[in-house]
N, C-alpha and C. Protein backbone atom coordinates (compact mmCIF):
# COMPACT_ATOMS: atom_id res chain seq x y z
N UNK A 1 -77.85 45.58 52.19
CA UNK A 1 -77.35 45.37 50.83
C UNK A 1 -76.05 46.14 50.62
N UNK A 2 -75.14 45.56 49.86
CA UNK A 2 -73.89 46.22 49.52
C UNK A 2 -74.16 47.51 48.76
N UNK A 3 -73.52 48.58 49.19
CA UNK A 3 -73.60 49.86 48.47
C UNK A 3 -72.30 50.07 47.71
N UNK A 4 -72.41 50.44 46.45
CA UNK A 4 -71.26 50.77 45.62
C UNK A 4 -71.41 52.21 45.18
N UNK A 5 -70.44 53.04 45.54
CA UNK A 5 -70.46 54.45 45.19
C UNK A 5 -69.52 54.65 44.01
N UNK A 6 -70.07 55.14 42.90
CA UNK A 6 -69.24 55.35 41.72
C UNK A 6 -70.11 55.57 40.50
N UNK A 7 -69.47 55.61 39.33
CA UNK A 7 -70.21 55.81 38.09
C UNK A 7 -69.95 54.63 37.16
N UNK A 8 -70.97 54.21 36.42
CA UNK A 8 -70.87 52.96 35.68
C UNK A 8 -69.90 52.99 34.50
N UNK A 9 -69.40 54.17 34.08
CA UNK A 9 -68.43 54.19 32.99
C UNK A 9 -66.99 54.15 33.50
N UNK A 10 -66.79 54.24 34.81
CA UNK A 10 -65.45 54.16 35.37
C UNK A 10 -64.94 52.72 35.29
N UNK A 11 -63.74 52.52 34.75
CA UNK A 11 -63.21 51.17 34.63
C UNK A 11 -63.04 50.53 35.99
N UNK A 12 -62.69 51.30 37.00
CA UNK A 12 -62.49 50.74 38.34
C UNK A 12 -63.81 50.38 39.01
N UNK A 13 -64.83 51.17 38.78
CA UNK A 13 -66.16 50.82 39.28
C UNK A 13 -66.67 49.57 38.57
N UNK A 14 -66.40 49.47 37.27
CA UNK A 14 -66.89 48.33 36.50
C UNK A 14 -66.23 47.03 36.95
N UNK A 15 -65.01 47.09 37.48
CA UNK A 15 -64.41 45.89 38.07
C UNK A 15 -65.32 45.33 39.16
N UNK A 16 -65.76 46.21 40.04
CA UNK A 16 -66.58 45.79 41.18
C UNK A 16 -67.94 45.31 40.71
N UNK A 17 -68.53 46.02 39.75
CA UNK A 17 -69.84 45.62 39.24
C UNK A 17 -69.78 44.25 38.58
N UNK A 18 -68.73 44.03 37.77
CA UNK A 18 -68.59 42.73 37.11
C UNK A 18 -68.41 41.62 38.16
N UNK A 19 -67.58 41.88 39.16
CA UNK A 19 -67.38 40.87 40.18
C UNK A 19 -68.69 40.54 40.90
N UNK A 20 -69.49 41.55 41.17
CA UNK A 20 -70.78 41.28 41.83
C UNK A 20 -71.65 40.35 40.98
N UNK A 21 -71.57 40.48 39.66
CA UNK A 21 -72.31 39.56 38.80
C UNK A 21 -71.74 38.15 38.92
N UNK A 22 -70.42 38.02 38.99
CA UNK A 22 -69.81 36.70 39.15
C UNK A 22 -70.22 36.06 40.48
N UNK A 23 -70.40 36.88 41.49
CA UNK A 23 -70.76 36.39 42.82
C UNK A 23 -72.26 36.26 43.02
N UNK A 24 -73.04 36.70 42.02
CA UNK A 24 -74.51 36.77 42.18
C UNK A 24 -74.87 37.55 43.44
N UNK A 25 -74.17 38.67 43.61
CA UNK A 25 -74.28 39.47 44.83
C UNK A 25 -75.14 40.70 44.56
N UNK A 26 -76.25 40.87 45.25
CA UNK A 26 -77.06 42.07 45.05
C UNK A 26 -76.35 43.31 45.58
N UNK A 27 -76.59 44.43 44.94
CA UNK A 27 -75.94 45.68 45.33
C UNK A 27 -76.80 46.85 44.91
N UNK A 28 -76.51 47.99 45.49
CA UNK A 28 -77.12 49.26 45.08
C UNK A 28 -76.02 50.18 44.61
N UNK A 29 -76.09 50.63 43.36
CA UNK A 29 -75.11 51.54 42.81
C UNK A 29 -75.58 52.98 43.03
N UNK A 30 -74.73 53.75 43.72
CA UNK A 30 -75.04 55.16 43.98
C UNK A 30 -74.11 56.01 43.12
N UNK A 31 -74.66 56.86 42.24
CA UNK A 31 -73.83 57.57 41.27
C UNK A 31 -73.03 58.72 41.87
N UNK A 32 -71.72 58.56 41.87
CA UNK A 32 -70.78 59.59 42.29
C UNK A 32 -69.67 59.69 41.25
N UNK A 33 -69.10 60.88 41.10
CA UNK A 33 -68.00 61.09 40.17
C UNK A 33 -68.38 62.12 39.13
N UNK A 34 -67.47 62.39 38.19
CA UNK A 34 -67.69 63.41 37.16
C UNK A 34 -69.00 63.17 36.43
N UNK A 35 -69.84 64.20 36.38
CA UNK A 35 -71.14 64.08 35.76
C UNK A 35 -72.23 63.65 36.73
N UNK A 36 -71.84 63.26 37.93
CA UNK A 36 -72.79 62.82 38.96
C UNK A 36 -72.52 63.64 40.22
N UNK A 37 -72.69 63.07 41.37
CA UNK A 37 -72.44 63.80 42.62
C UNK A 37 -70.95 64.01 42.81
N UNK A 38 -70.60 65.15 43.35
CA UNK A 38 -69.20 65.57 43.49
C UNK A 38 -68.50 64.77 44.59
N UNK A 39 -67.42 64.10 44.22
CA UNK A 39 -66.69 63.29 45.21
C UNK A 39 -65.89 64.14 46.19
N UNK A 40 -65.86 65.43 45.99
CA UNK A 40 -65.24 66.31 46.97
C UNK A 40 -66.22 66.77 48.05
N UNK A 41 -67.45 66.29 47.97
CA UNK A 41 -68.43 66.61 49.01
C UNK A 41 -67.99 66.00 50.34
N UNK A 42 -68.23 66.67 51.44
CA UNK A 42 -67.77 66.18 52.75
C UNK A 42 -68.22 64.76 53.06
N UNK A 43 -69.45 64.41 52.67
CA UNK A 43 -69.93 63.07 53.00
C UNK A 43 -69.19 61.98 52.23
N UNK A 44 -68.69 62.32 51.02
CA UNK A 44 -67.90 61.34 50.28
C UNK A 44 -66.47 61.28 50.83
N UNK A 45 -65.89 62.43 51.10
CA UNK A 45 -64.53 62.46 51.63
C UNK A 45 -64.44 61.74 52.97
N UNK A 46 -65.53 61.70 53.71
CA UNK A 46 -65.53 60.96 54.97
C UNK A 46 -65.37 59.46 54.73
N UNK A 47 -65.74 59.01 53.52
CA UNK A 47 -65.60 57.60 53.16
C UNK A 47 -64.28 57.33 52.47
N UNK A 48 -63.86 58.23 51.60
CA UNK A 48 -62.59 58.09 50.88
C UNK A 48 -61.93 59.45 50.76
N UNK A 49 -60.87 59.71 51.52
CA UNK A 49 -60.22 61.02 51.49
C UNK A 49 -59.54 61.32 50.17
N UNK A 50 -59.40 60.32 49.30
CA UNK A 50 -58.81 60.54 47.98
C UNK A 50 -59.81 61.10 46.98
N UNK A 51 -61.09 61.16 47.34
CA UNK A 51 -62.15 61.70 46.47
C UNK A 51 -62.24 60.94 45.15
N UNK A 52 -62.03 59.62 45.20
CA UNK A 52 -62.07 58.81 43.99
C UNK A 52 -63.03 57.64 44.18
N UNK A 53 -63.57 57.17 43.04
CA UNK A 53 -64.45 56.00 43.03
C UNK A 53 -63.65 54.80 42.53
N UNK A 54 -64.10 53.59 42.94
CA UNK A 54 -65.27 53.25 43.74
C UNK A 54 -65.00 53.24 45.23
N UNK A 55 -66.09 53.30 45.96
CA UNK A 55 -66.11 53.04 47.40
C UNK A 55 -67.23 52.04 47.63
N UNK A 56 -67.01 51.10 48.54
CA UNK A 56 -68.13 50.23 48.94
C UNK A 56 -68.41 50.44 50.42
N UNK A 57 -69.68 50.27 50.75
CA UNK A 57 -70.11 50.26 52.13
C UNK A 57 -70.83 48.93 52.34
N UNK A 58 -70.24 48.09 53.15
CA UNK A 58 -70.76 46.74 53.40
C UNK A 58 -71.01 46.60 54.89
N UNK A 59 -72.22 46.94 55.31
CA UNK A 59 -72.50 47.00 56.74
C UNK A 59 -71.70 48.13 57.37
N UNK A 60 -70.86 47.80 58.34
CA UNK A 60 -70.01 48.80 58.97
C UNK A 60 -68.67 48.98 58.26
N UNK A 61 -68.41 48.15 57.26
CA UNK A 61 -67.12 48.19 56.56
C UNK A 61 -67.17 49.16 55.39
N UNK A 62 -66.15 50.01 55.30
CA UNK A 62 -66.00 50.94 54.18
C UNK A 62 -64.64 50.67 53.55
N UNK A 63 -64.62 50.48 52.22
CA UNK A 63 -63.37 50.22 51.52
C UNK A 63 -63.31 51.01 50.24
N UNK A 64 -62.09 51.41 49.86
CA UNK A 64 -61.82 52.01 48.56
C UNK A 64 -60.60 51.32 47.96
N UNK A 65 -60.29 51.67 46.71
CA UNK A 65 -59.31 50.98 45.86
C UNK A 65 -59.96 49.72 45.27
N UNK A 66 -60.13 49.74 43.96
CA UNK A 66 -60.93 48.69 43.30
C UNK A 66 -60.36 47.30 43.50
N UNK A 67 -59.04 47.13 43.39
CA UNK A 67 -58.48 45.78 43.56
C UNK A 67 -58.65 45.27 44.99
N UNK A 68 -58.50 46.17 45.95
CA UNK A 68 -58.72 45.79 47.35
C UNK A 68 -60.16 45.37 47.57
N UNK A 69 -61.09 46.12 47.00
CA UNK A 69 -62.51 45.77 47.10
C UNK A 69 -62.77 44.39 46.51
N UNK A 70 -62.19 44.13 45.34
CA UNK A 70 -62.41 42.84 44.69
C UNK A 70 -61.83 41.70 45.52
N UNK A 71 -60.63 41.92 46.09
CA UNK A 71 -60.05 40.88 46.95
C UNK A 71 -60.96 40.62 48.16
N UNK A 72 -61.45 41.66 48.75
CA UNK A 72 -62.31 41.54 49.93
C UNK A 72 -63.58 40.75 49.60
N UNK A 73 -64.24 41.12 48.51
CA UNK A 73 -65.50 40.48 48.18
C UNK A 73 -65.30 39.01 47.81
N UNK A 74 -64.24 38.71 47.04
CA UNK A 74 -63.98 37.32 46.69
C UNK A 74 -63.67 36.50 47.94
N UNK A 75 -62.88 37.07 48.85
CA UNK A 75 -62.55 36.37 50.08
C UNK A 75 -63.74 36.19 50.98
N UNK A 76 -64.53 37.23 51.13
CA UNK A 76 -65.70 37.15 52.02
C UNK A 76 -66.67 36.08 51.57
N UNK A 77 -66.79 35.90 50.27
CA UNK A 77 -67.77 34.96 49.73
C UNK A 77 -67.14 33.62 49.36
N UNK A 78 -65.92 33.39 49.85
CA UNK A 78 -65.32 32.09 49.73
C UNK A 78 -64.99 31.63 48.33
N UNK A 79 -64.68 32.58 47.45
CA UNK A 79 -64.42 32.23 46.06
C UNK A 79 -62.92 32.01 45.84
N UNK A 80 -62.47 30.84 46.27
CA UNK A 80 -61.06 30.50 46.11
C UNK A 80 -60.68 30.31 44.64
N UNK A 81 -61.67 30.08 43.79
CA UNK A 81 -61.37 29.98 42.36
C UNK A 81 -60.96 31.34 41.80
N UNK A 82 -61.55 32.41 42.33
CA UNK A 82 -61.23 33.76 41.86
C UNK A 82 -59.96 34.30 42.50
N UNK A 83 -59.70 33.94 43.73
CA UNK A 83 -58.52 34.38 44.45
C UNK A 83 -58.04 33.22 45.33
N UNK A 84 -57.09 32.44 44.85
CA UNK A 84 -56.69 31.21 45.56
C UNK A 84 -56.13 31.49 46.94
N UNK A 85 -56.25 30.50 47.82
CA UNK A 85 -55.66 30.60 49.15
C UNK A 85 -54.17 30.26 49.13
N UNK A 86 -53.79 29.34 48.25
CA UNK A 86 -52.37 28.98 48.16
C UNK A 86 -51.55 30.24 47.87
N UNK A 87 -50.49 30.51 48.65
CA UNK A 87 -49.77 31.78 48.51
C UNK A 87 -49.21 32.03 47.11
N UNK A 88 -48.63 31.01 46.49
CA UNK A 88 -48.05 31.22 45.17
C UNK A 88 -49.13 31.43 44.11
N UNK A 89 -50.17 30.61 44.14
CA UNK A 89 -51.26 30.77 43.18
C UNK A 89 -51.92 32.13 43.34
N UNK A 90 -52.09 32.55 44.59
CA UNK A 90 -52.68 33.87 44.84
C UNK A 90 -51.76 34.98 44.31
N UNK A 91 -50.48 34.86 44.55
CA UNK A 91 -49.53 35.88 44.09
C UNK A 91 -49.55 36.00 42.58
N UNK A 92 -49.72 34.89 41.88
CA UNK A 92 -49.75 34.95 40.42
C UNK A 92 -50.99 35.67 39.90
N UNK A 93 -52.09 35.53 40.63
CA UNK A 93 -53.28 36.31 40.28
C UNK A 93 -53.06 37.78 40.59
N UNK A 94 -52.53 38.06 41.77
CA UNK A 94 -52.38 39.44 42.21
C UNK A 94 -51.34 40.20 41.40
N UNK A 95 -50.33 39.52 40.88
CA UNK A 95 -49.33 40.26 40.10
C UNK A 95 -49.96 40.81 38.82
N UNK A 96 -50.90 40.07 38.22
CA UNK A 96 -51.56 40.58 37.02
C UNK A 96 -52.60 41.62 37.36
N UNK A 97 -53.23 41.53 38.53
CA UNK A 97 -54.11 42.60 38.97
C UNK A 97 -53.33 43.89 39.15
N UNK A 98 -52.18 43.79 39.81
CA UNK A 98 -51.37 44.99 40.07
C UNK A 98 -50.77 45.54 38.79
N UNK A 99 -50.38 44.66 37.88
CA UNK A 99 -49.83 45.11 36.58
C UNK A 99 -50.89 45.88 35.79
N UNK A 100 -52.11 45.36 35.80
CA UNK A 100 -53.18 46.08 35.10
C UNK A 100 -53.43 47.44 35.73
N UNK A 101 -53.48 47.48 37.06
CA UNK A 101 -53.78 48.73 37.75
C UNK A 101 -52.66 49.75 37.68
N UNK A 102 -51.44 49.30 37.41
CA UNK A 102 -50.30 50.21 37.35
C UNK A 102 -49.74 50.37 35.95
N UNK A 103 -48.93 49.43 35.51
CA UNK A 103 -48.23 49.56 34.24
C UNK A 103 -49.18 49.72 33.05
N UNK A 104 -50.18 48.84 32.96
CA UNK A 104 -51.06 48.89 31.79
C UNK A 104 -51.91 50.15 31.79
N UNK A 105 -52.49 50.50 32.94
CA UNK A 105 -53.29 51.72 33.01
C UNK A 105 -52.47 52.95 32.64
N UNK A 106 -51.25 53.03 33.12
CA UNK A 106 -50.41 54.19 32.82
C UNK A 106 -50.07 54.25 31.34
N UNK A 107 -49.98 53.09 30.69
CA UNK A 107 -49.67 53.07 29.26
C UNK A 107 -50.82 53.64 28.44
N UNK A 108 -52.04 53.30 28.74
CA UNK A 108 -53.15 53.71 27.88
C UNK A 108 -53.78 55.04 28.26
N UNK A 109 -53.45 55.57 29.43
CA UNK A 109 -54.20 56.71 29.95
C UNK A 109 -54.24 57.91 28.99
N UNK A 110 -53.08 58.33 28.48
CA UNK A 110 -53.05 59.54 27.66
C UNK A 110 -53.83 59.33 26.36
N UNK A 111 -53.59 58.22 25.68
CA UNK A 111 -54.28 57.96 24.42
C UNK A 111 -55.78 57.84 24.63
N UNK A 112 -56.18 57.14 25.67
CA UNK A 112 -57.61 56.97 25.93
C UNK A 112 -58.28 58.30 26.26
N UNK A 113 -57.64 59.08 27.12
CA UNK A 113 -58.23 60.37 27.49
C UNK A 113 -58.33 61.30 26.29
N UNK A 114 -57.33 61.27 25.41
CA UNK A 114 -57.34 62.16 24.26
C UNK A 114 -58.28 61.72 23.16
N UNK A 115 -58.31 60.42 22.86
CA UNK A 115 -59.03 59.92 21.69
C UNK A 115 -60.45 59.50 21.99
N UNK A 116 -60.72 59.04 23.20
CA UNK A 116 -62.07 58.59 23.56
C UNK A 116 -62.79 59.64 24.39
N UNK A 117 -62.15 60.09 25.45
CA UNK A 117 -62.80 61.09 26.30
C UNK A 117 -62.70 62.51 25.72
N UNK A 118 -61.86 62.67 24.69
CA UNK A 118 -61.68 63.98 24.02
C UNK A 118 -61.27 65.08 25.00
N UNK A 119 -60.40 64.73 25.92
CA UNK A 119 -59.92 65.69 26.90
C UNK A 119 -59.03 66.74 26.23
N UNK A 120 -59.31 68.04 26.39
CA UNK A 120 -58.46 69.08 25.80
C UNK A 120 -57.02 69.03 26.31
N UNK A 121 -56.81 68.49 27.50
CA UNK A 121 -55.48 68.43 28.09
C UNK A 121 -54.66 67.26 27.56
N UNK A 122 -55.24 66.43 26.68
CA UNK A 122 -54.57 65.23 26.17
C UNK A 122 -54.61 65.20 24.65
N UNK A 123 -54.18 66.30 24.02
CA UNK A 123 -54.27 66.39 22.57
C UNK A 123 -52.92 66.60 21.89
N UNK A 124 -51.83 66.46 22.63
CA UNK A 124 -50.52 66.58 22.01
C UNK A 124 -50.25 65.37 21.12
N UNK A 125 -49.97 65.61 19.84
CA UNK A 125 -49.86 64.51 18.87
C UNK A 125 -48.73 63.55 19.23
N UNK A 126 -47.59 64.08 19.65
CA UNK A 126 -46.47 63.21 20.00
C UNK A 126 -46.78 62.36 21.24
N UNK A 127 -47.42 62.97 22.21
CA UNK A 127 -47.78 62.24 23.42
C UNK A 127 -48.83 61.17 23.14
N UNK A 128 -49.77 61.48 22.23
CA UNK A 128 -50.77 60.49 21.84
C UNK A 128 -50.11 59.29 21.17
N UNK A 129 -49.19 59.57 20.25
CA UNK A 129 -48.51 58.49 19.54
C UNK A 129 -47.66 57.65 20.51
N UNK A 130 -47.00 58.32 21.44
CA UNK A 130 -46.16 57.60 22.40
C UNK A 130 -47.02 56.72 23.30
N UNK A 131 -48.16 57.24 23.74
CA UNK A 131 -49.04 56.46 24.60
C UNK A 131 -49.58 55.24 23.86
N UNK A 132 -49.99 55.43 22.60
CA UNK A 132 -50.51 54.31 21.82
C UNK A 132 -49.44 53.24 21.63
N UNK A 133 -48.21 53.67 21.36
CA UNK A 133 -47.12 52.70 21.17
C UNK A 133 -46.83 51.94 22.45
N UNK A 134 -46.82 52.64 23.58
CA UNK A 134 -46.58 51.98 24.86
C UNK A 134 -47.72 51.04 25.20
N UNK A 135 -48.93 51.45 24.91
CA UNK A 135 -50.10 50.61 25.13
C UNK A 135 -49.96 49.31 24.34
N UNK A 136 -49.63 49.42 23.05
CA UNK A 136 -49.47 48.23 22.22
C UNK A 136 -48.35 47.33 22.74
N UNK A 137 -47.30 47.92 23.24
CA UNK A 137 -46.18 47.13 23.78
C UNK A 137 -46.63 46.34 25.01
N UNK A 138 -47.44 46.95 25.84
CA UNK A 138 -47.93 46.25 27.02
C UNK A 138 -48.95 45.17 26.64
N UNK A 139 -49.74 45.43 25.63
CA UNK A 139 -50.67 44.40 25.18
C UNK A 139 -49.93 43.20 24.62
N UNK A 140 -48.76 43.43 24.04
CA UNK A 140 -47.94 42.31 23.56
C UNK A 140 -47.43 41.46 24.73
N UNK A 141 -47.21 42.09 25.87
CA UNK A 141 -46.84 41.33 27.07
C UNK A 141 -47.98 40.40 27.47
N UNK A 142 -49.20 40.92 27.44
CA UNK A 142 -50.35 40.09 27.75
C UNK A 142 -50.51 38.98 26.73
N UNK A 143 -50.25 39.27 25.48
CA UNK A 143 -50.32 38.24 24.42
C UNK A 143 -49.40 37.07 24.75
N UNK A 144 -48.17 37.38 25.12
CA UNK A 144 -47.22 36.31 25.43
C UNK A 144 -47.63 35.53 26.68
N UNK A 145 -48.20 36.24 27.65
CA UNK A 145 -48.65 35.55 28.86
C UNK A 145 -49.79 34.59 28.55
N UNK A 146 -50.74 35.02 27.75
CA UNK A 146 -51.87 34.16 27.40
C UNK A 146 -51.41 32.96 26.59
N UNK A 147 -50.42 33.15 25.76
CA UNK A 147 -49.88 32.03 24.98
C UNK A 147 -49.28 30.98 25.91
N UNK A 148 -48.61 31.45 26.98
CA UNK A 148 -47.99 30.53 27.93
C UNK A 148 -49.01 29.93 28.90
N UNK A 149 -49.90 30.78 29.42
CA UNK A 149 -50.74 30.38 30.56
C UNK A 149 -51.96 29.57 30.15
N UNK A 150 -52.49 29.83 28.97
CA UNK A 150 -53.70 29.13 28.57
C UNK A 150 -54.87 30.07 28.40
N UNK A 151 -56.04 29.66 28.87
CA UNK A 151 -57.26 30.40 28.58
C UNK A 151 -57.32 31.77 29.25
N UNK A 152 -56.72 31.89 30.44
CA UNK A 152 -56.84 33.12 31.21
C UNK A 152 -55.47 33.59 31.68
N UNK A 153 -55.43 34.76 32.29
CA UNK A 153 -54.14 35.40 32.56
C UNK A 153 -53.28 34.60 33.52
N UNK A 154 -53.90 33.97 34.52
CA UNK A 154 -53.13 33.23 35.52
C UNK A 154 -53.18 31.73 35.31
N UNK A 155 -53.73 31.28 34.18
CA UNK A 155 -53.79 29.85 33.91
C UNK A 155 -55.10 29.46 33.26
N UNK A 156 -55.55 28.26 33.53
CA UNK A 156 -56.74 27.72 32.86
C UNK A 156 -58.06 28.19 33.47
N UNK A 157 -57.99 28.82 34.65
CA UNK A 157 -59.20 29.18 35.38
C UNK A 157 -59.36 30.70 35.42
N UNK A 158 -60.58 31.17 35.23
CA UNK A 158 -60.92 32.59 35.35
C UNK A 158 -60.69 33.05 36.79
N UNK A 159 -60.00 34.19 36.97
CA UNK A 159 -59.71 34.72 38.29
C UNK A 159 -59.98 36.23 38.32
N UNK A 160 -59.74 36.82 39.49
CA UNK A 160 -59.88 38.27 39.60
C UNK A 160 -59.00 39.02 38.61
N UNK A 161 -57.86 38.46 38.27
CA UNK A 161 -56.96 39.13 37.32
C UNK A 161 -57.65 39.42 36.01
N UNK A 162 -58.53 38.53 35.59
CA UNK A 162 -59.16 38.67 34.28
C UNK A 162 -60.23 39.76 34.25
N UNK A 163 -60.70 40.18 35.40
CA UNK A 163 -61.70 41.25 35.41
C UNK A 163 -61.06 42.57 34.99
N UNK A 164 -60.01 42.98 35.68
CA UNK A 164 -59.35 44.23 35.28
C UNK A 164 -58.75 44.14 33.89
N UNK A 165 -58.10 43.03 33.59
CA UNK A 165 -57.48 42.87 32.27
C UNK A 165 -58.53 42.87 31.17
N UNK A 166 -59.64 42.20 31.39
CA UNK A 166 -60.69 42.17 30.38
C UNK A 166 -61.23 43.55 30.07
N UNK A 167 -61.40 44.37 31.10
CA UNK A 167 -61.88 45.73 30.88
C UNK A 167 -60.85 46.56 30.12
N UNK A 168 -59.57 46.35 30.41
CA UNK A 168 -58.52 47.06 29.69
C UNK A 168 -58.44 46.61 28.24
N UNK A 169 -58.62 45.32 28.00
CA UNK A 169 -58.62 44.81 26.62
C UNK A 169 -59.78 45.42 25.84
N UNK A 170 -60.93 45.54 26.49
CA UNK A 170 -62.07 46.19 25.84
C UNK A 170 -61.73 47.62 25.43
N UNK A 171 -61.05 48.34 26.29
CA UNK A 171 -60.66 49.71 25.95
C UNK A 171 -59.69 49.73 24.78
N UNK A 172 -58.78 48.77 24.75
CA UNK A 172 -57.80 48.71 23.66
C UNK A 172 -58.51 48.51 22.32
N UNK A 173 -59.46 47.60 22.26
CA UNK A 173 -60.16 47.35 21.01
C UNK A 173 -61.06 48.51 20.62
N UNK A 174 -61.56 49.28 21.57
CA UNK A 174 -62.52 50.33 21.27
C UNK A 174 -61.90 51.71 21.09
N UNK A 175 -60.61 51.85 21.33
CA UNK A 175 -59.94 53.14 21.14
C UNK A 175 -59.38 53.22 19.73
N UNK A 176 -59.59 54.31 19.01
CA UNK A 176 -59.17 54.41 17.61
C UNK A 176 -57.65 54.63 17.47
N UNK A 177 -56.89 53.56 17.65
CA UNK A 177 -55.45 53.57 17.42
C UNK A 177 -55.12 52.40 16.49
N UNK A 178 -53.94 52.46 15.89
CA UNK A 178 -53.47 51.31 15.13
C UNK A 178 -53.02 50.23 16.11
N UNK A 179 -53.48 49.01 15.87
CA UNK A 179 -53.19 47.91 16.78
C UNK A 179 -52.53 46.76 16.03
N UNK A 180 -51.56 46.10 16.64
CA UNK A 180 -51.01 44.88 16.04
C UNK A 180 -52.01 43.73 16.17
N UNK A 181 -51.83 42.72 15.35
CA UNK A 181 -52.65 41.52 15.47
C UNK A 181 -52.12 40.68 16.63
N UNK A 182 -52.96 40.49 17.63
CA UNK A 182 -52.60 39.69 18.79
C UNK A 182 -53.65 38.60 18.95
N UNK A 183 -53.43 37.45 18.32
CA UNK A 183 -54.49 36.43 18.26
C UNK A 183 -54.89 35.86 19.61
N UNK A 184 -53.95 35.75 20.55
CA UNK A 184 -54.31 35.22 21.86
C UNK A 184 -55.14 36.23 22.65
N UNK A 185 -54.85 37.51 22.49
CA UNK A 185 -55.67 38.54 23.13
C UNK A 185 -57.07 38.55 22.53
N UNK A 186 -57.16 38.41 21.22
CA UNK A 186 -58.48 38.38 20.57
C UNK A 186 -59.30 37.18 21.06
N UNK A 187 -58.67 36.01 21.14
CA UNK A 187 -59.39 34.83 21.61
C UNK A 187 -59.80 34.99 23.07
N UNK A 188 -58.94 35.61 23.87
CA UNK A 188 -59.24 35.89 25.27
C UNK A 188 -60.45 36.81 25.39
N UNK A 189 -60.47 37.84 24.58
CA UNK A 189 -61.58 38.80 24.57
C UNK A 189 -62.89 38.09 24.25
N UNK A 190 -62.86 37.22 23.26
CA UNK A 190 -64.07 36.48 22.89
C UNK A 190 -64.44 35.47 23.97
N UNK A 191 -63.46 34.89 24.62
CA UNK A 191 -63.73 33.93 25.70
C UNK A 191 -64.42 34.64 26.88
N UNK A 192 -63.93 35.83 27.22
CA UNK A 192 -64.55 36.58 28.31
C UNK A 192 -65.99 36.96 27.98
N UNK A 193 -66.28 37.12 26.69
CA UNK A 193 -67.63 37.53 26.28
C UNK A 193 -68.66 36.44 26.48
N UNK A 194 -68.24 35.25 26.90
CA UNK A 194 -69.21 34.22 27.27
C UNK A 194 -69.71 34.41 28.70
N UNK A 195 -69.13 35.38 29.41
CA UNK A 195 -69.51 35.62 30.81
C UNK A 195 -70.50 36.79 30.86
N UNK A 196 -71.68 36.58 31.42
CA UNK A 196 -72.69 37.64 31.45
C UNK A 196 -72.20 38.93 32.11
N UNK A 197 -71.37 38.82 33.14
CA UNK A 197 -70.88 40.02 33.81
C UNK A 197 -70.04 40.89 32.91
N UNK A 198 -69.25 40.26 32.03
CA UNK A 198 -68.44 41.03 31.10
C UNK A 198 -69.32 41.68 30.03
N UNK A 199 -70.31 40.95 29.55
CA UNK A 199 -71.21 41.53 28.55
C UNK A 199 -71.97 42.73 29.12
N UNK A 200 -72.30 42.67 30.39
CA UNK A 200 -73.06 43.76 31.00
C UNK A 200 -72.19 44.95 31.37
N UNK A 201 -70.97 44.70 31.84
CA UNK A 201 -70.16 45.79 32.38
C UNK A 201 -68.84 46.00 31.64
N UNK A 202 -68.58 45.21 30.61
CA UNK A 202 -67.34 45.35 29.86
C UNK A 202 -67.60 45.48 28.39
N UNK A 203 -67.89 44.37 27.76
CA UNK A 203 -68.09 44.37 26.30
C UNK A 203 -69.54 44.76 25.99
N UNK A 204 -69.85 45.98 26.33
CA UNK A 204 -71.23 46.46 26.24
C UNK A 204 -71.35 47.73 25.41
N UNK A 205 -70.31 48.00 24.61
CA UNK A 205 -70.32 49.21 23.79
C UNK A 205 -69.73 50.42 24.48
N UNK A 206 -69.32 50.28 25.73
CA UNK A 206 -68.73 51.39 26.49
C UNK A 206 -67.25 51.13 26.69
N UNK A 207 -66.35 52.03 26.22
CA UNK A 207 -64.92 51.81 26.45
C UNK A 207 -64.53 52.19 27.87
């Protein structure tokens, strides 16, 4: 059985958990990370020298980095709908995966850590306001993309891109900041909520 090492409140772990629901793939979640087993333990570092979750162990294969794990699992299980084989179609999915993992995550990190996680290191008022403003600006980029693309980030079909983006949208709605009205993002959020994996690992009351 697939082993997933991580904690269920981690957005990157939740990407993998949600995908497993989409794939109807059985797995065993082993709790590692803050509040659980220490990822600096030698046995974890032997799997991921970065001491970060998630990590998967699939037979003899060990992988880390959530987007890489998702690409691997979708490819292994032949889900061309989630990650197309056509190079251009695949690139359009992957660009939104990478944007979520880089630009969007960096935009919300300070505000989320300060306002939701209540981190003492993230309580500077100016930095909080700047992070919230940058977050809203990036969400407006997603709004325009959804207006152009249709139901999902890369077009009419649900793909891997929507897993990371959906989790980030959930955090945006659940973090106590002032938000602009983004009707396409709101409709997208509600559309994703028809998927059991998102209800279980995304829109489940946990930011």
